[in-house]
Amino acid sequence: GINAEYMGFMNEILHGKPLTIFGDGLQTRSFSYIDDVAPVLAMSPLYPRARNQIFNVGADTPYTLNELAILVSNSMGVEPNVVHLDARKEVVHSEISNTKVRCYFQLPTPVTLKDGLNRTAAWVKAIGAKYSPVEFPAVEIISNMPPSWVRSDLKEKAHIEHTSDDNPRVKEEELRMGRTLD
């Protein structure tokens, strides 16, 4: 399963960097493992009663980002090494309720956060430190970006069109496959 926060933490560990948390780390999230979410997404078109409905699907138990950093570090077999940066303008507590979705679907027994992280860590360790963040040469608005995102060479442009040439992952994949997309 892939969740931005814990995949970011795992990537930072693979690259020998501290885990980055914006703010005090007390913000909460309901981290989900893909095996808990995918069955509902796959079944939803098969249930006429579910059409045009909006469902929350995710973990019942919220965790703080500080707790997540410890659990991710444990799953990767390293001591937690966290750096707290200035808080971003974001939702502090993002938690969901599965009450409505349970009225429509029989949910699988949820994968615990620890088990999901251990499974994901095994996968991440198997593929290695291949991921590198995409760094664009320009963005539309710099002024309200978190300071840690702003590089000295980052430019501001009113209109930006990105192509696959901007994405190093596309280039890496093309080289790995021995072909180009052109």
C-alpha atoms as a PDB file:
ATOM      1  CA  GLY A   1       0.000   0.000   0.000  1.00  0.00           C
ATOM      2  CA  ILE A   2       1.235   3.482  -0.720  1.00  0.00           C
ATOM      3  CA  ASN A   3       0.502   6.501   1.461  1.00  0.00           C
ATOM      4  CA  ALA A   4       2.495   9.661   0.813  1.00  0.00           C
ATOM      5  CA  GLU A   5       3.720  10.171   4.373  1.00  0.00           C
ATOM      6  CA  TYR A   6       5.066   6.717   5.021  1.00  0.00           C
ATOM      7  CA  MET A   7       6.497   6.221   1.555  1.00  0.00           C
ATOM      8  CA  GLY A   8       8.256   9.559   1.945  1.00  0.00           C
ATOM      9  CA  PHE A   9       9.661   8.400   5.282  1.00  0.00           C
ATOM     10  CA  MET A  10      10.846   5.100   3.792  1.00  0.00           C
ATOM     11  CA  ASN A  11      12.494   6.913   0.900  1.00  0.00           C
ATOM     12  CA  GLU A  12      14.267   9.259   3.301  1.00  0.00           C
ATOM     13  CA  ILE A  13      15.541   6.245   5.279  1.00  0.00           C
ATOM     14  CA  LEU A  14      16.813   4.555   2.099  1.00  0.00           C
ATOM     15  CA  HIS A  15      18.737   7.712   1.232  1.00  0.00           C
ATOM     16  CA  GLY A  16      20.180   8.104   4.760  1.00  0.00           C
ATOM     17  CA  LYS A  17      18.215  11.258   5.497  1.00  0.00           C
ATOM     18  CA  PRO A  18      16.227  12.191   8.614  1.00  0.00           C
ATOM     19  CA  LEU A  19      12.452  11.802   8.477  1.00  0.00           C
ATOM     20  CA  THR A  20      10.874  15.165   7.697  1.00  0.00           C
ATOM     21  CA  ILE A  21       7.807  16.190   9.686  1.00  0.00           C
ATOM     22  CA  PHE A  22       6.275  19.596   9.135  1.00  0.00           C
ATOM     23  CA  GLY A  23       5.143  21.052  12.448  1.00  0.00           C
ATOM     24  CA  ASP A  24       5.132  19.314  15.832  1.00  0.00           C
ATOM     25  CA  GLY A  25       4.083  15.910  14.455  1.00  0.00           C
ATOM     26  CA  LEU A  26       0.888  15.799  16.493  1.00  0.00           C
ATOM     27  CA  GLN A  27      -1.295  16.050  13.401  1.00  0.00           C
ATOM     28  CA  THR A  28      -3.261  12.834  12.855  1.00  0.00           C
ATOM     29  CA  ARG A  29      -4.065  10.751   9.800  1.00  0.00           C
ATOM     30  CA  SER A  30      -5.965   7.519   9.134  1.00  0.00           C
ATOM     31  CA  PHE A  31      -3.332   5.500   7.264  1.00  0.00           C
ATOM     32  CA  SER A  32      -4.755   2.752   5.065  1.00  0.00           C
ATOM     33  CA  TYR A  33      -3.246  -0.311   3.478  1.00  0.00           C
ATOM     34  CA  ILE A  34      -4.227  -0.920  -0.132  1.00  0.00           C
ATOM     35  CA  ASP A  35      -5.756  -4.329   0.675  1.00  0.00           C
ATOM     36  CA  ASP A  36      -8.328  -2.527   2.835  1.00  0.00           C
ATOM     37  CA  VAL A  37      -9.332  -0.026   0.162  1.00  0.00           C
ATOM     38  CA  ALA A  38      -9.009  -1.807  -3.193  1.00  0.00           C
ATOM     39  CA  PRO A  39     -11.787  -4.402  -2.629  1.00  0.00           C
ATOM     40  CA  VAL A  40     -14.341  -1.663  -1.999  1.00  0.00           C
ATOM     41  CA  LEU A  41     -13.229   0.232  -5.103  1.00  0.00           C
ATOM     42  CA  ALA A  42     -13.407  -2.951  -7.162  1.00  0.00           C
ATOM     43  CA  MET A  43     -16.855  -3.950  -5.850  1.00  0.00           C
ATOM     44  CA  SER A  44     -18.531  -0.538  -5.937  1.00  0.00           C
ATOM     45  CA  PRO A  45     -19.628  -0.649  -9.610  1.00  0.00           C
ATOM     46  CA  LEU A  46     -21.327  -4.006  -8.968  1.00  0.00           C
ATOM     47  CA  TYR A  47     -23.742  -2.624  -6.360  1.00  0.00           C
ATOM     48  CA  PRO A  48     -26.520  -0.459  -7.850  1.00  0.00           C
ATOM     49  CA  ARG A  49     -27.315   0.963  -4.386  1.00  0.00           C
ATOM     50  CA  ALA A  50     -23.788   2.330  -4.178  1.00  0.00           C
ATOM     51  CA  ARG A  51     -24.009   4.343  -7.402  1.00  0.00           C
ATOM     52  CA  ASN A  52     -23.684   8.102  -6.972  1.00  0.00           C
ATOM     53  CA  GLN A  53     -22.798   7.664  -3.311  1.00  0.00           C
ATOM     54  CA  ILE A  54     -19.750   9.125  -1.611  1.00  0.00           C
ATOM     55  CA  PHE A  55     -17.861   6.828   0.743  1.00  0.00           C
ATOM     56  CA  ASN A  56     -14.974   7.226   3.117  1.00  0.00           C
ATOM     57  CA  VAL A  57     -12.800   4.144   3.086  1.00  0.00           C
ATOM     58  CA  GLY A  58      -9.800   3.870   5.326  1.00  0.00           C
ATOM     59  CA  ALA A  59      -8.353   2.994   8.676  1.00  0.00           C
ATOM     60  CA  ASP A  60     -10.469   3.350  11.799  1.00  0.00           C
ATOM     61  CA  THR A  61      -7.527   4.251  14.041  1.00  0.00           C
ATOM     62  CA  PRO A  62      -5.741   7.577  13.541  1.00  0.00           C
ATOM     63  CA  TYR A  63      -2.034   7.945  14.297  1.00  0.00           C
ATOM     64  CA  THR A  64       0.100  11.034  14.786  1.00  0.00           C
ATOM     65  CA  LEU A  65       2.936  11.671  12.365  1.00  0.00           C
ATOM     66  CA  ASN A  66       5.343  11.260  15.294  1.00  0.00           C
ATOM     67  CA  GLU A  67       3.909   7.776  15.945  1.00  0.00           C
ATOM     68  CA  LEU A  68       4.126   6.995  12.238  1.00  0.00           C
ATOM     69  CA  ALA A  69       7.794   8.019  12.124  1.00  0.00           C
ATOM     70  CA  ILE A  70       8.594   5.556  14.905  1.00  0.00           C
ATOM     71  CA  LEU A  71       6.584   2.727  13.298  1.00  0.00           C
ATOM     72  CA  VAL A  72       8.146   3.317   9.865  1.00  0.00           C
ATOM     73  CA  SER A  73      11.638   3.405  11.363  1.00  0.00           C
ATOM     74  CA  ASN A  74      10.947   0.128  13.172  1.00  0.00           C
ATOM     75  CA  SER A  75       9.614  -1.486   9.987  1.00  0.00           C
ATOM     76  CA  MET A  76      12.766  -0.420   8.136  1.00  0.00           C
ATOM     77  CA  GLY A  77      15.015  -1.656  10.969  1.00  0.00           C
ATOM     78  CA  VAL A  78      16.522   1.719  11.894  1.00  0.00           C
ATOM     79  CA  GLU A  79      16.415   4.062  14.859  1.00  0.00           C
ATOM     80  CA  PRO A  80      14.014   6.997  14.381  1.00  0.00           C
ATOM     81  CA  ASN A  81      15.808  10.145  13.204  1.00  0.00           C
ATOM     82  CA  VAL A  82      13.261  12.931  12.815  1.00  0.00           C
ATOM     83  CA  VAL A  83      13.635  16.575  11.892  1.00  0.00           C
ATOM     84  CA  HIS A  84      10.697  18.919  12.518  1.00  0.00           C
ATOM     85  CA  LEU A  85      10.369  21.788  10.032  1.00  0.00           C
ATOM     86  CA  ASP A  86       7.989  24.745  10.077  1.00  0.00           C
ATOM     87  CA  ALA A  87       4.345  23.704   9.950  1.00  0.00           C
ATOM     88  CA  ARG A  88       2.591  23.774   6.595  1.00  0.00           C
ATOM     89  CA  LYS A  89      -0.872  25.195   6.045  1.00  0.00           C
ATOM     90  CA  GLU A  90      -2.725  21.881   6.081  1.00  0.00           C
ATOM     91  CA  VAL A  91      -5.470  20.025   7.882  1.00  0.00           C
ATOM     92  CA  VAL A  92      -4.240  19.114  11.355  1.00  0.00           C
ATOM     93  CA  HIS A  93      -6.500  16.106  11.970  1.00  0.00           C
ATOM     94  CA  SER A  94      -7.641  14.074   8.961  1.00  0.00           C
ATOM     95  CA  GLU A  95      -9.618  11.089  10.143  1.00  0.00           C
ATOM     96  CA  ILE A  96     -12.493   9.167   8.605  1.00  0.00           C
ATOM     97  CA  SER A  97     -15.498   7.118   9.597  1.00  0.00           C
ATOM     98  CA  ASN A  98     -16.326   3.864   7.835  1.00  0.00           C
ATOM     99  CA  THR A  99     -19.893   3.861   9.165  1.00  0.00           C
ATOM    100  CA  LYS A 100     -21.576   4.531   5.822  1.00  0.00           C
ATOM    101  CA  VAL A 101     -19.390   2.214   3.745  1.00  0.00           C
ATOM    102  CA  ARG A 102     -20.106  -0.637   6.191  1.00  0.00           C
ATOM    103  CA  CYS A 103     -23.834  -0.218   5.430  1.00  0.00           C
ATOM    104  CA  TYR A 104     -23.140  -1.030   1.765  1.00  0.00           C
ATOM    105  CA  PHE A 105     -20.138  -3.359   1.764  1.00  0.00           C
ATOM    106  CA  GLN A 106     -18.667  -6.123   3.853  1.00  0.00           C
ATOM    107  CA  LEU A 107     -15.206  -4.790   4.582  1.00  0.00           C
ATOM    108  CA  PRO A 108     -12.265  -7.150   4.908  1.00  0.00           C
ATOM    109  CA  THR A 109     -10.559  -7.509   8.268  1.00  0.00           C
ATOM    110  CA  PRO A 110      -8.293  -4.473   8.250  1.00  0.00           C
ATOM    111  CA  VAL A 111      -4.540  -4.784   7.982  1.00  0.00           C
ATOM    112  CA  THR A 112      -2.972  -3.151  11.028  1.00  0.00           C
ATOM    113  CA  LEU A 113      -0.713  -0.185  10.434  1.00  0.00           C
ATOM    114  CA  LYS A 114       2.266  -2.151  11.760  1.00  0.00           C
ATOM    115  CA  ASP A 115       1.589  -5.116   9.426  1.00  0.00           C
ATOM    116  CA  GLY A 116       0.964  -2.833   6.447  1.00  0.00           C
ATOM    117  CA  LEU A 117       4.192  -0.961   7.110  1.00  0.00           C
ATOM    118  CA  ASN A 118       6.145  -4.217   7.470  1.00  0.00           C
ATOM    119  CA  ARG A 119       4.775  -5.475   4.132  1.00  0.00           C
ATOM    120  CA  THR A 120       5.515  -2.169   2.442  1.00  0.00           C
ATOM    121  CA  ALA A 121       9.003  -1.998   3.983  1.00  0.00           C
ATOM    122  CA  ALA A 122       9.801  -5.465   2.608  1.00  0.00           C
ATOM    123  CA  TRP A 123       8.767  -4.281  -0.864  1.00  0.00           C
ATOM    124  CA  VAL A 124      10.692  -1.004  -0.539  1.00  0.00           C
ATOM    125  CA  LYS A 125      13.842  -2.824   0.596  1.00  0.00           C
ATOM    126  CA  ALA A 126      13.511  -5.231  -2.353  1.00  0.00           C
ATOM    127  CA  ILE A 127      13.375  -2.432  -4.945  1.00  0.00           C
ATOM    128  CA  GLY A 128      16.008  -0.334  -3.196  1.00  0.00           C
ATOM    129  CA  ALA A 129      16.666   3.389  -3.281  1.00  0.00           C
ATOM    130  CA  LYS A 130      15.458   3.893  -6.846  1.00  0.00           C
ATOM    131  CA  TYR A 131      12.964   6.662  -6.195  1.00  0.00           C
ATOM    132  CA  SER A 132      14.111  10.224  -6.515  1.00  0.00           C
ATOM    133  CA  PRO A 133      11.752  13.140  -6.045  1.00  0.00           C
ATOM    134  CA  VAL A 134      10.712  15.100  -9.093  1.00  0.00           C
ATOM    135  CA  GLU A 135      12.134  18.602  -8.958  1.00  0.00           C
ATOM    136  CA  PHE A 136      10.635  20.953 -11.486  1.00  0.00           C
ATOM    137  CA  PRO A 137      12.641  23.932 -12.717  1.00  0.00           C
ATOM    138  CA  ALA A 138       9.674  26.274 -12.169  1.00  0.00           C
ATOM    139  CA  VAL A 139       6.338  26.588 -10.363  1.00  0.00           C
ATOM    140  CA  GLU A 140       3.473  29.012 -10.786  1.00  0.00           C
ATOM    141  CA  ILE A 141       3.568  30.540  -7.284  1.00  0.00           C
ATOM    142  CA  ILE A 142       6.483  30.387  -4.855  1.00  0.00           C
ATOM    143  CA  SER A 143       5.254  32.814  -2.180  1.00  0.00           C
ATOM    144  CA  ASN A 144       3.311  30.392   0.059  1.00  0.00           C
ATOM    145  CA  MET A 145       5.377  27.258  -0.458  1.00  0.00           C
ATOM    146  CA  PRO A 146       6.950  25.694   2.641  1.00  0.00           C
ATOM    147  CA  PRO A 147      10.513  27.037   2.907  1.00  0.00           C
ATOM    148  CA  SER A 148      11.954  23.524   2.695  1.00  0.00           C
ATOM    149  CA  TRP A 149      10.421  23.128  -0.793  1.00  0.00           C
ATOM    150  CA  VAL A 150      11.980  26.300  -2.206  1.00  0.00           C
ATOM    151  CA  ARG A 151      15.366  25.876  -3.866  1.00  0.00           C
ATOM    152  CA  SER A 152      17.658  28.729  -4.849  1.00  0.00           C
ATOM    153  CA  ASP A 153      17.330  27.751  -8.539  1.00  0.00           C
ATOM    154  CA  LEU A 154      13.501  27.444  -8.483  1.00  0.00           C
ATOM    155  CA  LYS A 155      11.870  29.919 -10.837  1.00  0.00           C
ATOM    156  CA  GLU A 156       8.348  31.301 -10.900  1.00  0.00           C
ATOM    157  CA  LYS A 157       6.429  31.335 -14.196  1.00  0.00           C
ATOM    158  CA  ALA A 158       2.842  32.350 -14.926  1.00  0.00           C
ATOM    159  CA  HIS A 159       2.230  29.403 -17.264  1.00  0.00           C
ATOM    160  CA  ILE A 160       3.974  26.066 -17.017  1.00  0.00           C
ATOM    161  CA  GLU A 161       3.766  23.048 -19.247  1.00  0.00           C
ATOM    162  CA  HIS A 162       5.533  19.973 -17.953  1.00  0.00           C
ATOM    163  CA  THR A 163       6.551  17.111 -20.186  1.00  0.00           C
ATOM    164  CA  SER A 164       7.988  13.681 -19.522  1.00  0.00           C
ATOM    165  CA  ASP A 165      11.402  15.306 -20.036  1.00  0.00           C
ATOM    166  CA  ASP A 166      10.887  17.028 -16.661  1.00  0.00           C
ATOM    167  CA  ASN A 167      10.414  13.726 -14.849  1.00  0.00           C
ATOM    168  CA  PRO A 168      13.593  11.792 -14.054  1.00  0.00           C
ATOM    169  CA  ARG A 169      11.530   8.673 -13.288  1.00  0.00           C
ATOM    170  CA  VAL A 170      10.355   8.524 -16.904  1.00  0.00           C
ATOM    171  CA  LYS A 171      13.955   8.753 -18.101  1.00  0.00           C
ATOM    172  CA  GLU A 172      15.067   6.064 -15.624  1.00  0.00           C
ATOM    173  CA  GLU A 173      12.260   3.759 -16.787  1.00  0.00           C
ATOM    174  CA  GLU A 174      13.121   4.361 -20.446  1.00  0.00           C
ATOM    175  CA  LEU A 175      16.764   3.476 -19.780  1.00  0.00           C
ATOM    176  CA  ARG A 176      15.785   0.403 -17.794  1.00  0.00           C
ATOM    177  CA  MET A 177      13.516  -0.793 -20.593  1.00  0.00           C
ATOM    178  CA  GLY A 178      16.128   0.048 -23.233  1.00  0.00           C
ATOM    179  CA  ARG A 179      13.796   2.311 -25.132  1.00  0.00           C
ATOM    180  CA  THR A 180      12.466   5.830 -25.344  1.00  0.00           C
ATOM    181  CA  LEU A 181       8.920   7.070 -25.538  1.00  0.00           C
ATOM    182  CA  ASP A 182       9.667   9.275 -28.575  1.00  0.00           C
END
